[in-house]
Amino acid sequence: MTVHFPFQNTYAALPPNFFARVAPTPVNSPRLVKLNRALAIHLGLDPELLASPEGAEILAGTRLPDGADPIAMAYAGHQFGQFVPQLGDGRAILLGEVIDADGVRRDIQLKGSGPTPFSRLGDGRAALGPVLREYIVSEAMATLGIPTTRSLAAVVTGESVMRETVLPGAVLTRVASSHIRVGTFQFLAARGDTEGVRRLADHVIARHYPQAASAERPYHALLEGVIVRQAELIARWLLIGFIHGVMNTDNTSISGETIDYGPCAFMDHYDPATVFSSIDQQGRYAYANQPPIALWNLVRFAECLLPLLADQQEKAIAEAKDLLDTFAGKFSTAHQAGLRKKIGLFSAREGDEALVQDLLDAMAKNQADFTLAFRRLAEAARDRANDGAVRQLFADPTAFDEWAARWRQRTADEPQPAEERRNAMRAVNPAFIPRNHRIEAVIKAAVNGNDYAPFEELLTVLSKPFDDQPEYAGYAEPPQPEQRVLQTFCGT
């Protein structure tokens, strides 16, 4: 019995300075914790074989599947604004690429599979807690409709890793449309490798932005395409209360997917200044800072492309600036359209932006839960008798009353019946998100008690975030004061 991966290896065919060839480090006794069977089938893989002992060995990096050409990708990055010329995959190894059922090329990468030439002083391993966190949050993002990397499997290695304490080791099998980052371009640009930047740009165009290949100026079209996808991605993050936590340029995917779920978190009560990451001491990557940081990262990307945009640097800078100046409008258009949907508006009218902002301001002042306020608002849209469930989320319920009167006046201008409005709002306002305290409880049960039942149950709940699921109603509730998780941590 052999587990077959129909690998292609187009990235490994690029110049050798783009990566380092390195095999995963075998582990003692790998054991499968979780296999994403539906994703495996979508990737053209046999879930039964992956769930076998041989499959667990492959997913842990102990055995290489046929056709794999394992590499650690090179990249640089601005980390909290400071440029580091060489980072790279210090604990991740790309096995190869497969074509999924939709005809899309997908990377299959092992995260936590041992040291690479980019590990610096790291051990190249991952602890079980961060692996479970990334599995939970990335799959939740997928069901919420957010572009994201996916999790194919989680495996415990049978070995320990040392962090603040001794922890069980694990490996995550991550799937992405690619692992190419802004930092990948920065790695080449910082070395003056203009031809390398060109080769990488051509690869990205072929893989992610094929329409740019036929454009009059392909590299301008590439920059424009990346700007559009980042603007729309960050808007979607804000619409569900997501905070990435480490929006460094090496964590900014060129494909427009959410990547690298380290100290990420979802807000409970609404506060634009919310920060969870223990390493973000200055709030650089706070919830409301994510749009300007995305633009800052895009400027770094544009800097890498300057030699491809025009022969004269001044002209290249001017043309890049013209494209970058469109980010704010594209983000605002996507964000405002999403906010209108969240409050049940079917059309755009003057005053809508102020109406939504006033609700957000009232929520912030009154510490209303972000997810529940919008979810319960859908029921209030059907029947004002349901206002009470929203009002109780506000420290001063009259703050909602005042806003709701204006909201109802606005919705009365539209012809859609109340039931249609309610259903439309429920389709974009989830009942369930991966709340921090739930994730921490899952990790604690798995790490301390080898109990994965809470992990499985949370995944079940999050697989249908827009359904009521009355049997799991408790998962929709915000944490009690003693349950609040105020800090999240990187896994390194």
Protein backbone atom coordinates (compact mmCIF):
# COMPACT_ATOMS: atom_id res chain seq x y z
CA MET A 1 0.00 0.00 0.00
CA THR A 2 1.53 3.31 -1.11
CA VAL A 3 0.25 6.80 -0.54
CA HIS A 4 0.45 8.57 -3.88
CA PHE A 5 0.77 12.32 -4.25
CA PRO A 6 0.50 13.47 -7.89
CA PHE A 7 3.19 16.06 -7.29
CA GLN A 8 4.37 18.77 -9.62
CA ASN A 9 7.28 20.95 -8.56
CA THR A 10 7.24 24.21 -10.49
CA TYR A 11 8.68 26.32 -7.67
CA ALA A 12 11.56 23.88 -7.21
CA ALA A 13 12.35 24.41 -10.90
CA LEU A 14 13.12 28.10 -10.29
CA PRO A 15 16.73 29.27 -9.73
CA PRO A 16 18.46 27.55 -6.80
CA ASN A 17 18.90 30.76 -4.79
CA PHE A 18 15.10 30.87 -4.36
CA PHE A 19 15.21 27.99 -1.86
CA ALA A 20 17.29 25.32 -0.16
CA ARG A 21 16.82 21.65 -0.85
CA VAL A 22 16.33 19.88 2.46
CA ALA A 23 14.43 16.81 3.59
CA PRO A 24 12.18 16.70 6.65
CA THR A 25 13.73 15.22 9.79
CA PRO A 26 12.23 11.83 10.75
CA VAL A 27 10.47 11.52 14.10
CA ASN A 28 10.12 8.62 16.52
CA SER A 29 6.48 7.59 16.59
CA PRO A 30 4.13 9.77 14.54
CA ARG A 31 0.43 9.50 15.24
CA LEU A 32 -2.37 11.11 13.28
CA VAL A 33 -4.47 13.49 15.37
CA LYS A 34 -6.69 14.87 12.64
CA LEU A 35 -7.10 14.36 8.91
CA ASN A 36 -9.17 16.77 6.84
CA ARG A 37 -10.82 14.10 4.72
CA ALA A 38 -12.90 16.44 2.59
CA LEU A 39 -9.83 18.50 1.72
CA ALA A 40 -7.82 15.38 0.96
CA ILE A 41 -10.44 14.25 -1.55
CA HIS A 42 -10.52 17.73 -3.10
CA LEU A 43 -6.75 17.51 -3.55
CA GLY A 44 -7.04 14.15 -5.30
CA LEU A 45 -5.60 12.23 -2.35
CA ASP A 46 -6.89 9.02 -0.79
CA PRO A 47 -7.99 9.77 2.79
CA GLU A 48 -7.93 6.11 3.80
CA LEU A 49 -4.30 5.77 2.80
CA LEU A 50 -3.41 9.07 4.46
CA ALA A 51 -5.00 7.80 7.67
CA SER A 52 -2.83 4.67 7.58
CA PRO A 53 0.45 4.32 9.50
CA GLU A 54 2.35 5.01 6.28
CA GLY A 55 0.26 8.13 5.74
CA ALA A 56 1.03 9.34 9.28
CA GLU A 57 4.74 8.87 8.56
CA ILE A 58 4.44 11.01 5.43
CA LEU A 59 2.43 13.70 7.22
CA ALA A 60 5.07 13.81 9.98
CA GLY A 61 7.98 14.00 7.54
CA THR A 62 9.43 10.60 8.43
CA ARG A 63 8.74 9.17 4.98
CA LEU A 64 8.89 11.04 1.68
CA PRO A 65 6.14 10.32 -0.85
CA ASP A 66 7.08 9.54 -4.43
CA GLY A 67 7.57 12.62 -6.55
CA ALA A 68 8.30 14.97 -3.66
CA ASP A 69 11.08 17.52 -4.16
CA PRO A 70 11.33 18.97 -0.64
CA ILE A 71 12.53 22.54 -0.30
CA ALA A 72 12.65 25.33 2.26
CA MET A 73 11.74 28.62 0.60
CA ALA A 74 13.94 31.67 1.02
CA TYR A 75 12.46 35.03 1.94
CA ALA A 76 13.25 38.21 3.83
CA GLY A 77 10.83 40.50 5.63
CA HIS A 78 10.04 43.58 7.63
CA GLN A 79 9.24 42.35 11.13
CA PHE A 80 7.49 45.05 13.15
CA GLY A 81 8.93 47.58 10.69
CA GLN A 82 12.54 46.35 10.89
CA PHE A 83 14.02 44.76 7.79
CA VAL A 84 15.63 41.34 8.14
CA PRO A 85 17.39 40.39 4.87
CA GLN A 86 17.16 36.64 5.40
CA LEU A 87 14.39 34.73 7.12
CA GLY A 88 13.06 31.80 5.11
CA ASP A 89 11.26 28.60 6.06
CA GLY A 90 12.96 27.81 9.33
CA ARG A 91 10.54 25.04 10.30
CA ALA A 92 8.54 24.35 7.16
CA ILE A 93 9.30 22.23 4.13
CA LEU A 94 7.39 22.32 0.86
CA LEU A 95 6.92 18.77 -0.43
CA GLY A 96 5.43 19.71 -3.78
CA GLU A 97 2.33 20.90 -5.60
CA VAL A 98 -0.87 19.16 -6.65
CA ILE A 99 -3.76 20.24 -8.87
CA ASP A 100 -7.04 20.15 -6.97
CA ALA A 101 -10.53 19.28 -8.19
CA ASP A 102 -11.07 22.89 -9.32
CA GLY A 103 -7.91 22.85 -11.42
CA VAL A 104 -6.07 25.08 -8.95
CA ARG A 105 -2.43 24.43 -8.09
CA ARG A 106 -1.88 23.90 -4.35
CA ASP A 107 1.27 23.68 -2.26
CA ILE A 108 1.53 20.90 0.29
CA GLN A 109 3.87 21.93 3.09
CA LEU A 110 4.91 20.34 6.38
CA LYS A 111 5.16 22.87 9.20
CA GLY A 112 7.25 21.77 12.16
CA SER A 113 9.17 19.17 10.18
CA GLY A 114 12.67 19.93 11.39
CA PRO A 115 15.53 22.37 10.91
CA THR A 116 16.46 23.94 7.58
CA PRO A 117 19.29 26.25 6.51
CA PHE A 118 16.96 29.12 7.49
CA SER A 119 16.31 27.95 11.05
CA ARG A 120 18.96 30.19 12.59
CA LEU A 121 18.91 29.13 16.26
CA GLY A 122 15.49 27.46 16.06
CA ASP A 123 14.84 23.75 16.36
CA GLY A 124 12.61 23.62 13.28
CA ARG A 125 9.85 21.98 15.27
CA ALA A 126 6.31 22.93 16.25
CA ALA A 127 4.47 22.38 19.50
CA LEU A 128 1.05 20.77 19.57
CA GLY A 129 -0.79 23.88 20.80
CA PRO A 130 0.11 26.17 17.87
CA VAL A 131 -0.59 23.35 15.42
CA LEU A 132 -4.09 22.89 16.81
CA ARG A 133 -4.65 26.66 16.84
CA GLU A 134 -3.70 26.98 13.16
CA TYR A 135 -5.82 23.99 12.22
CA ILE A 136 -8.87 25.41 14.00
CA VAL A 137 -8.56 29.00 12.85
CA SER A 138 -7.57 28.33 9.24
CA GLU A 139 -10.46 25.91 8.76
CA ALA A 140 -12.84 28.34 10.47
CA MET A 141 -11.71 31.08 8.12
CA ALA A 142 -12.44 28.80 5.17
CA THR A 143 -16.00 28.13 6.33
CA LEU A 144 -16.46 31.87 6.96
CA GLY A 145 -15.58 32.47 3.32
CA ILE A 146 -12.22 34.20 3.92
CA PRO A 147 -9.35 33.41 1.50
CA THR A 148 -6.95 31.32 3.56
CA THR A 149 -4.40 28.58 3.70
CA ARG A 150 -5.95 25.27 4.75
CA SER A 151 -5.02 22.48 7.13
CA LEU A 152 -4.85 18.97 5.73
CA ALA A 153 -3.61 17.15 8.82
CA ALA A 154 -2.19 17.40 12.31
CA VAL A 155 0.21 14.75 13.57
CA VAL A 156 1.89 14.35 16.94
CA THR A 157 5.52 13.31 16.59
CA GLY A 158 6.08 11.33 19.76
CA GLU A 159 8.86 13.76 20.62
CA SER A 160 8.99 16.80 22.89
CA VAL A 161 9.92 20.38 22.06
CA MET A 162 11.24 22.94 24.48
CA ARG A 163 9.49 26.30 24.59
CA GLU A 164 8.76 27.97 27.93
CA THR A 165 8.19 24.39 29.11
CA VAL A 166 8.51 20.93 27.61
CA LEU A 167 5.61 20.39 25.19
CA PRO A 168 4.48 17.61 22.85
CA GLY A 169 5.75 18.09 19.30
CA ALA A 170 3.51 18.11 16.26
CA VAL A 171 3.49 18.74 12.52
CA LEU A 172 0.82 20.57 10.56
CA THR A 173 0.29 19.78 6.88
CA ARG A 174 -0.59 23.12 5.36
CA VAL A 175 -2.16 23.67 1.95
CA ALA A 176 -1.90 27.00 0.12
CA SER A 177 -2.38 28.30 -3.37
CA SER A 178 1.29 29.19 -2.85
CA HIS A 179 3.64 30.21 -0.05
CA ILE A 180 5.06 33.18 -1.97
CA ARG A 181 5.14 36.31 0.18
CA VAL A 182 6.06 39.96 -0.13
CA GLY A 183 9.19 38.88 1.72
CA THR A 184 10.03 36.42 -1.07
CA PHE A 185 10.38 39.35 -3.45
CA GLN A 186 12.27 41.33 -0.81
CA PHE A 187 14.83 38.55 -0.44
CA LEU A 188 15.80 38.87 -4.10
CA ALA A 189 15.47 42.65 -4.36
CA ALA A 190 17.69 43.20 -1.31
CA ARG A 191 20.46 41.31 -3.13
CA GLY A 192 20.10 43.36 -6.27
CA ASP A 193 18.88 40.30 -8.16
CA THR A 194 16.63 42.07 -10.65
CA GLU A 195 16.52 39.05 -12.92
CA GLY A 196 15.46 36.92 -9.97
CA VAL A 197 12.66 39.39 -9.18
CA ARG A 198 11.59 39.15 -12.81
CA ARG A 199 11.61 35.34 -12.75
CA LEU A 200 9.58 35.31 -9.54
CA ALA A 201 7.12 37.88 -10.90
CA ASP A 202 6.65 35.82 -14.07
CA HIS A 203 6.03 32.73 -11.93
CA VAL A 204 3.46 34.58 -9.81
CA ILE A 205 1.70 35.95 -12.88
CA ALA A 206 1.44 32.49 -14.42
CA ARG A 207 0.23 30.95 -11.18
CA HIS A 208 -1.99 33.60 -9.60
CA TYR A 209 -2.65 36.44 -12.04
CA PRO A 210 -2.77 34.90 -15.53
CA GLN A 211 -4.77 37.84 -16.86
CA ALA A 212 -1.73 40.05 -16.23
CA ALA A 213 0.30 38.09 -18.78
CA SER A 214 -1.73 39.54 -21.64
CA ALA A 215 -1.84 43.06 -20.20
CA GLU A 216 -0.01 45.86 -21.96
CA ARG A 217 2.22 46.21 -18.87
CA PRO A 218 2.21 42.83 -17.07
CA TYR A 219 4.13 43.92 -13.97
CA HIS A 220 1.87 46.92 -13.43
CA ALA A 221 -1.08 44.53 -13.74
CA LEU A 222 0.56 42.22 -11.21
CA LEU A 223 0.97 45.03 -8.69
CA GLU A 224 -2.60 46.15 -9.28
CA GLY A 225 -3.90 42.61 -8.81
CA VAL A 226 -2.06 42.13 -5.52
CA ILE A 227 -3.35 45.50 -4.27
CA VAL A 228 -6.95 44.52 -5.08
CA ARG A 229 -6.71 41.15 -3.35
CA GLN A 230 -5.07 42.58 -0.23
CA ALA A 231 -7.65 45.37 0.01
CA GLU A 232 -10.49 42.88 -0.22
CA LEU A 233 -8.83 40.42 2.18
CA ILE A 234 -8.26 42.97 4.93
CA ALA A 235 -11.83 44.23 4.53
CA ARG A 236 -13.06 40.69 5.09
CA TRP A 237 -10.89 40.36 8.19
CA LEU A 238 -12.42 43.47 9.72
CA LEU A 239 -15.95 42.36 8.88
CA ILE A 240 -15.59 39.25 11.07
CA GLY A 241 -13.52 40.86 13.83
CA PHE A 242 -10.29 39.03 12.95
CA ILE A 243 -6.88 40.26 14.09
CA HIS A 244 -3.88 38.65 12.41
CA GLY A 245 -1.38 39.70 15.04
CA VAL A 246 1.83 39.63 12.97
CA MET A 247 1.28 41.40 9.67
CA ASN A 248 4.96 41.39 8.79
CA THR A 249 5.83 41.43 5.09
CA ASP A 250 6.95 37.80 5.36
CA ASN A 251 3.40 36.98 6.49
CA THR A 252 1.75 38.79 3.56
CA SER A 253 0.78 36.34 0.85
CA ILE A 254 1.07 37.42 -2.77
CA SER A 255 -1.92 35.24 -3.66
CA GLY A 256 -4.22 37.17 -1.30
CA GLU A 257 -4.73 34.35 1.20
CA THR A 258 -4.51 34.66 4.98
CA ILE A 259 -1.30 32.93 6.01
CA ASP A 260 0.61 32.19 9.23
CA TYR A 261 -1.82 31.90 12.13
CA GLY A 262 0.46 32.67 15.06
CA PRO A 263 -0.91 35.03 17.71
CA CYS A 264 -4.10 35.65 15.75
CA ALA A 265 -7.44 36.13 17.46
CA PHE A 266 -11.07 37.16 17.03
CA MET A 267 -12.45 40.08 19.02
CA ASP A 268 -15.06 39.52 21.66
CA HIS A 269 -16.35 43.00 22.57
CA TYR A 270 -15.75 45.57 19.86
CA ASP A 271 -12.73 47.81 20.32
CA PRO A 272 -10.77 49.12 17.30
CA ALA A 273 -7.58 49.25 19.39
CA THR A 274 -7.73 45.56 20.27
CA VAL A 275 -4.36 43.77 20.36
CA PHE A 276 -3.85 40.18 21.48
CA SER A 277 -0.34 39.37 20.30
CA SER A 278 2.11 39.23 23.21
CA ILE A 279 4.91 40.52 20.96
CA ASP A 280 2.98 43.52 19.62
CA GLN A 281 3.88 45.87 22.46
CA GLN A 282 3.10 49.07 20.54
CA GLY A 283 -0.15 47.95 18.92
CA ARG A 284 1.32 48.12 15.42
CA TYR A 285 -1.00 45.34 14.26
CA ALA A 286 -4.11 46.28 16.24
CA TYR A 287 -7.49 45.56 14.65
CA ALA A 288 -8.01 49.04 13.19
CA ASN A 289 -4.37 49.34 12.07
CA GLN A 290 -4.61 46.41 9.69
CA PRO A 291 -5.66 48.41 6.58
CA PRO A 292 -2.82 50.96 6.79
CA ILE A 293 -0.33 48.20 7.60
CA ALA A 294 -1.51 46.27 4.55
CA LEU A 295 -0.79 49.34 2.45
CA TRP A 296 2.62 49.74 4.11
CA ASN A 297 3.41 46.14 3.15
CA LEU A 298 2.22 46.74 -0.41
CA VAL A 299 4.57 49.70 -0.68
CA ARG A 300 7.42 47.33 0.20
CA PHE A 301 6.23 44.98 -2.55
CA ALA A 302 6.07 47.83 -5.04
CA GLU A 303 9.64 48.80 -4.15
CA CYS A 304 10.77 45.35 -5.23
CA LEU A 305 9.03 45.72 -8.59
CA LEU A 306 10.37 49.18 -9.44
CA PRO A 307 13.06 47.92 -11.89
CA LEU A 308 10.31 46.06 -13.78
CA LEU A 309 7.91 49.00 -13.97
CA ALA A 310 10.04 51.53 -15.84
CA ASP A 311 13.62 52.13 -16.93
CA GLN A 312 13.87 55.35 -14.94
CA GLN A 313 13.39 55.06 -11.18
CA GLU A 314 11.48 58.32 -10.82
CA LYS A 315 9.00 57.21 -13.44
CA ALA A 316 8.69 53.77 -11.83
CA ILE A 317 8.05 55.34 -8.42
CA ALA A 318 5.38 57.65 -9.83
CA GLU A 319 3.61 54.78 -11.59
CA ALA A 320 3.77 52.59 -8.49
CA LYS A 321 2.41 55.42 -6.36
CA ASP A 322 -0.54 55.88 -8.71
CA LEU A 323 -1.44 52.22 -8.24
CA LEU A 324 -0.86 52.25 -4.48
CA ASP A 325 -3.08 55.31 -4.14
CA THR A 326 -6.01 53.14 -5.23
CA PHE A 327 -5.74 50.90 -2.17
CA ALA A 328 -7.72 53.16 0.17
CA GLY A 329 -10.66 53.37 -2.22
CA LYS A 330 -10.66 49.66 -2.97
CA PHE A 331 -10.52 48.79 0.72
CA SER A 332 -13.26 51.28 1.60
CA THR A 333 -15.52 50.01 -1.17
CA ALA A 334 -15.17 46.40 -0.02
CA HIS A 335 -15.45 47.25 3.67
CA GLN A 336 -18.47 49.54 3.33
CA ALA A 337 -20.26 47.05 1.08
CA GLY A 338 -19.71 44.38 3.71
CA LEU A 339 -20.89 46.62 6.54
CA ARG A 340 -24.08 47.47 4.66
CA LYS A 341 -24.78 43.76 4.29
CA LYS A 342 -24.11 43.21 7.99
CA ILE A 343 -26.88 45.67 8.93
CA GLY A 344 -29.23 44.40 6.24
CA LEU A 345 -29.07 47.11 3.61
CA PHE A 346 -29.66 46.04 0.02
CA SER A 347 -28.72 49.37 -1.57
CA ALA A 348 -26.15 52.08 -1.04
CA ARG A 349 -27.32 55.56 -0.06
CA GLU A 350 -25.79 58.71 1.30
CA GLY A 351 -25.54 58.52 5.05
CA ASP A 352 -25.08 54.75 5.22
CA GLU A 353 -21.41 54.99 6.17
CA ALA A 354 -22.23 57.31 9.08
CA LEU A 355 -25.08 55.04 10.16
CA VAL A 356 -22.81 52.01 10.40
CA GLN A 357 -20.03 53.98 12.06
CA ASP A 358 -22.42 55.24 14.71
CA LEU A 359 -23.36 51.65 15.51
CA LEU A 360 -19.69 50.68 15.79
CA ASP A 361 -19.00 53.69 18.01
CA ALA A 362 -21.89 52.74 20.28
CA MET A 363 -20.67 49.15 20.42
CA ALA A 364 -17.17 50.28 21.37
CA LYS A 365 -18.42 52.67 24.05
CA ASN A 366 -20.72 50.03 25.51
CA GLN A 367 -18.44 46.98 25.11
CA ALA A 368 -20.93 45.11 22.96
CA ASP A 369 -19.84 41.76 21.59
CA PHE A 370 -18.93 42.22 17.92
CA THR A 371 -20.17 38.88 16.59
CA LEU A 372 -23.32 38.61 18.67
CA ALA A 373 -24.44 42.20 18.11
CA PHE A 374 -24.64 41.72 14.35
CA ARG A 375 -26.03 38.19 14.59
CA ARG A 376 -28.83 39.23 16.93
CA LEU A 377 -29.51 42.33 14.85
CA ALA A 378 -30.73 39.99 12.13
CA GLU A 379 -33.54 38.79 14.39
CA ALA A 380 -34.36 42.38 15.31
CA ALA A 381 -34.66 43.11 11.58
CA ARG A 382 -37.47 40.57 11.36
CA ASP A 383 -39.29 41.66 14.51
CA ARG A 384 -38.56 44.56 16.84
CA ALA A 385 -39.74 42.32 19.67
CA ASN A 386 -36.28 40.75 19.36
CA ASP A 387 -34.52 44.03 20.19
CA GLY A 388 -34.02 42.90 23.77
CA ALA A 389 -31.38 40.33 22.82
CA VAL A 390 -29.32 43.06 21.17
CA ARG A 391 -29.96 45.69 23.86
CA GLN A 392 -28.59 43.47 26.61
CA LEU A 393 -25.18 43.42 24.88
CA PHE A 394 -24.82 47.18 25.49
CA ALA A 395 -23.75 48.57 28.86
CA ASP A 396 -26.26 51.35 28.19
CA PRO A 397 -29.13 49.75 26.25
CA THR A 398 -30.54 53.12 25.26
CA ALA A 399 -27.51 53.57 23.01
CA PHE A 400 -28.89 50.79 20.85
CA ASP A 401 -32.43 52.15 21.01
CA GLU A 402 -31.36 55.50 19.62
CA TRP A 403 -29.44 53.90 16.78
CA ALA A 404 -32.14 51.32 16.01
CA ALA A 405 -34.73 54.03 15.39
CA ARG A 406 -32.55 55.52 12.65
CA TRP A 407 -31.74 52.08 11.25
CA ARG A 408 -35.40 51.15 10.94
CA GLN A 409 -36.14 54.42 9.24
CA ARG A 410 -33.40 53.61 6.72
CA THR A 411 -34.52 50.01 6.08
CA ALA A 412 -38.11 51.18 5.62
CA ASP A 413 -36.93 52.90 2.44
CA GLU A 414 -36.19 49.53 0.84
CA PRO A 415 -38.83 47.17 -0.59
CA GLN A 416 -37.45 43.87 0.71
CA PRO A 417 -39.63 42.15 3.32
CA ALA A 418 -38.35 41.65 6.85
CA GLU A 419 -37.82 37.92 6.43
CA GLU A 420 -35.62 38.42 3.38
CA ARG A 421 -33.57 41.02 5.24
CA ARG A 422 -33.16 38.75 8.22
CA ASN A 423 -32.00 35.83 6.07
CA ALA A 424 -29.54 38.00 4.16
CA MET A 425 -28.06 39.25 7.42
CA ARG A 426 -27.75 35.74 8.86
CA ALA A 427 -25.84 34.70 5.73
CA VAL A 428 -23.04 37.20 6.45
CA ASN A 429 -23.12 37.44 10.26
CA PRO A 430 -21.85 34.21 11.82
CA ALA A 431 -23.19 32.82 15.05
CA PHE A 432 -19.93 31.00 15.78
CA ILE A 433 -16.32 32.10 15.59
CA PRO A 434 -13.22 30.43 17.08
CA ARG A 435 -13.22 32.41 20.30
CA ASN A 436 -9.92 32.58 22.16
CA HIS A 437 -11.11 30.95 25.33
CA ARG A 438 -12.53 28.00 23.40
CA ILE A 439 -9.27 27.48 21.52
CA GLU A 440 -7.27 27.63 24.75
CA ALA A 441 -9.57 25.06 26.36
CA VAL A 442 -9.06 22.75 23.38
CA ILE A 443 -5.27 23.12 23.56
CA LYS A 444 -5.23 22.54 27.31
CA ALA A 445 -7.27 19.35 27.01
CA ALA A 446 -5.05 17.99 24.24
CA VAL A 447 -1.68 18.97 25.71
CA ASN A 448 -2.38 18.17 29.36
CA GLY A 449 -4.83 15.31 29.04
CA ASN A 450 -4.33 13.83 25.58
CA ASP A 451 -8.03 14.55 25.12
CA TYR A 452 -9.02 15.55 21.58
CA ALA A 453 -12.79 15.40 22.04
CA PRO A 454 -13.03 19.19 22.66
CA PHE A 455 -10.94 19.79 19.51
CA GLU A 456 -13.27 17.63 17.43
CA GLU A 457 -16.37 19.25 18.87
CA LEU A 458 -15.10 22.77 18.23
CA LEU A 459 -14.30 21.84 14.63
CA THR A 460 -17.83 20.47 14.26
CA VAL A 461 -19.35 23.72 15.51
CA LEU A 462 -17.13 25.89 13.33
CA SER A 463 -17.90 23.86 10.21
CA LYS A 464 -21.35 25.53 10.12
CA PRO A 465 -20.74 29.04 11.47
CA PHE A 466 -23.93 30.55 10.02
CA ASP A 467 -26.30 27.88 11.36
CA ASP A 468 -27.95 28.23 14.78
CA GLN A 469 -26.90 24.76 16.08
CA PRO A 470 -28.95 24.96 19.30
CA GLU A 471 -27.18 21.90 20.71
CA TYR A 472 -23.95 23.96 20.68
CA ALA A 473 -25.45 27.32 21.66
CA GLY A 474 -22.87 27.84 24.39
CA TYR A 475 -20.12 28.13 21.79
CA ALA A 476 -21.69 31.36 20.54
CA GLU A 477 -21.41 33.06 23.92
CA PRO A 478 -18.54 35.41 24.75
CA PRO A 479 -16.23 34.46 27.62
CA GLN A 480 -17.03 35.18 31.21
CA PRO A 481 -14.57 37.62 32.83
CA GLU A 482 -12.54 34.76 34.31
CA GLN A 483 -12.40 33.01 30.91
CA ARG A 484 -10.99 35.92 28.92
CA VAL A 485 -7.77 35.30 27.03
CA LEU A 486 -6.00 38.65 26.75
CA GLN A 487 -2.78 37.51 25.08
CA THR A 488 -1.92 35.10 22.31
CA PHE A 489 1.55 33.86 21.49
CA CYS A 490 3.74 32.88 18.54
CA GLY A 491 4.57 29.19 18.29
CA THR A 492 8.30 29.66 17.85
